[in-house]
Amino acid sequence: MNNEKNKPASDEQQFLEGPQSRLSDLFFTLKVIRDFIRGFRAFHFLGPCATVFGSARYKEGHEFYELARQIGARLSQLGFTVMTGGGPGLMEAANRGAKEAWGRSVGCNIVLPMEQDHNPYLDKWVNIEYFFVRKVLLSKYSYAFVVMPGGYGTLDEFFEAITLIQTKKIKQFPIVLMGKAYHKDLYTHLQNMVKAGTISMHDLDLFLFTDTVEEAALHIKKYAIEQFGLHTRKKIIPIKVLGEKE
């Protein structure tokens, strides 16, 4: 017997099955708003963030874990709050690197049945129920995106960020795709898309493809810090009567 058939549908599954009752859709919308407000209250005073995407499956000692750890430290040294999906693996590594460099480290954790608890290297985190809300929050506060090796989720986040930039829905923030050997077939496919005419040659310039932490840091410094004047941005002050905290 397939136990999956006997499980009650989640809110998202039910919502995406098609038209629901007006009351059901209203309740779902209110839950989405609750998720957004939870994220807004948690992250409003972070200052400029850089988001690191990557697999939850690589453990300490793996070369990609150490690379993500170096990236987290270097982003902190540039003055960014390091934001991740809040989970284990390369997310943990980036948050850990930030903490080890005495920087600020935050996570936007997704609530899943089998995964995932937030990692122990976070100064602040929020648990989000809906994937699409989480993706918005990971983009909203960030002036740079670093894409480490990962699976479907990591590639989804990479393509969402680059699509938003390509279509000018957000400004041209720097994106760094780390791991030339790991992503070589992906990059070949992107070049084939240029040949097929489904993207332009210019679209390949929307991200930096590298293995080098320092090259990534210089790229982000030029196209995020200098381009958007991040060192001169005014700090947002919490309003205590609203229960706001930094």
Foldseek 3Di string as FASTA:
>chain_A
DDVVVVDDDDLVRVVVVDDDDPVSVVVSVVLLVVLLVQLCQQCVQQAAAEEEEAAQPAAPPDPLLQLLLCLLLLVQVVPHAYEYQQFHDSLLSSLNSVVVNVGAYEHEHEDDPVDDHGDPSHPTYDYGDDPVSSLCSSPVRYLEYEQGYYDPVSVVSVVVVLVCCVVVVDDLREYEYADCVRCVVVVVVVVVCCVVVVDHPVSVVSYHYYHDSVVVSVVNCVRGCVVVVSVPDDGDDDDVVVVGDD
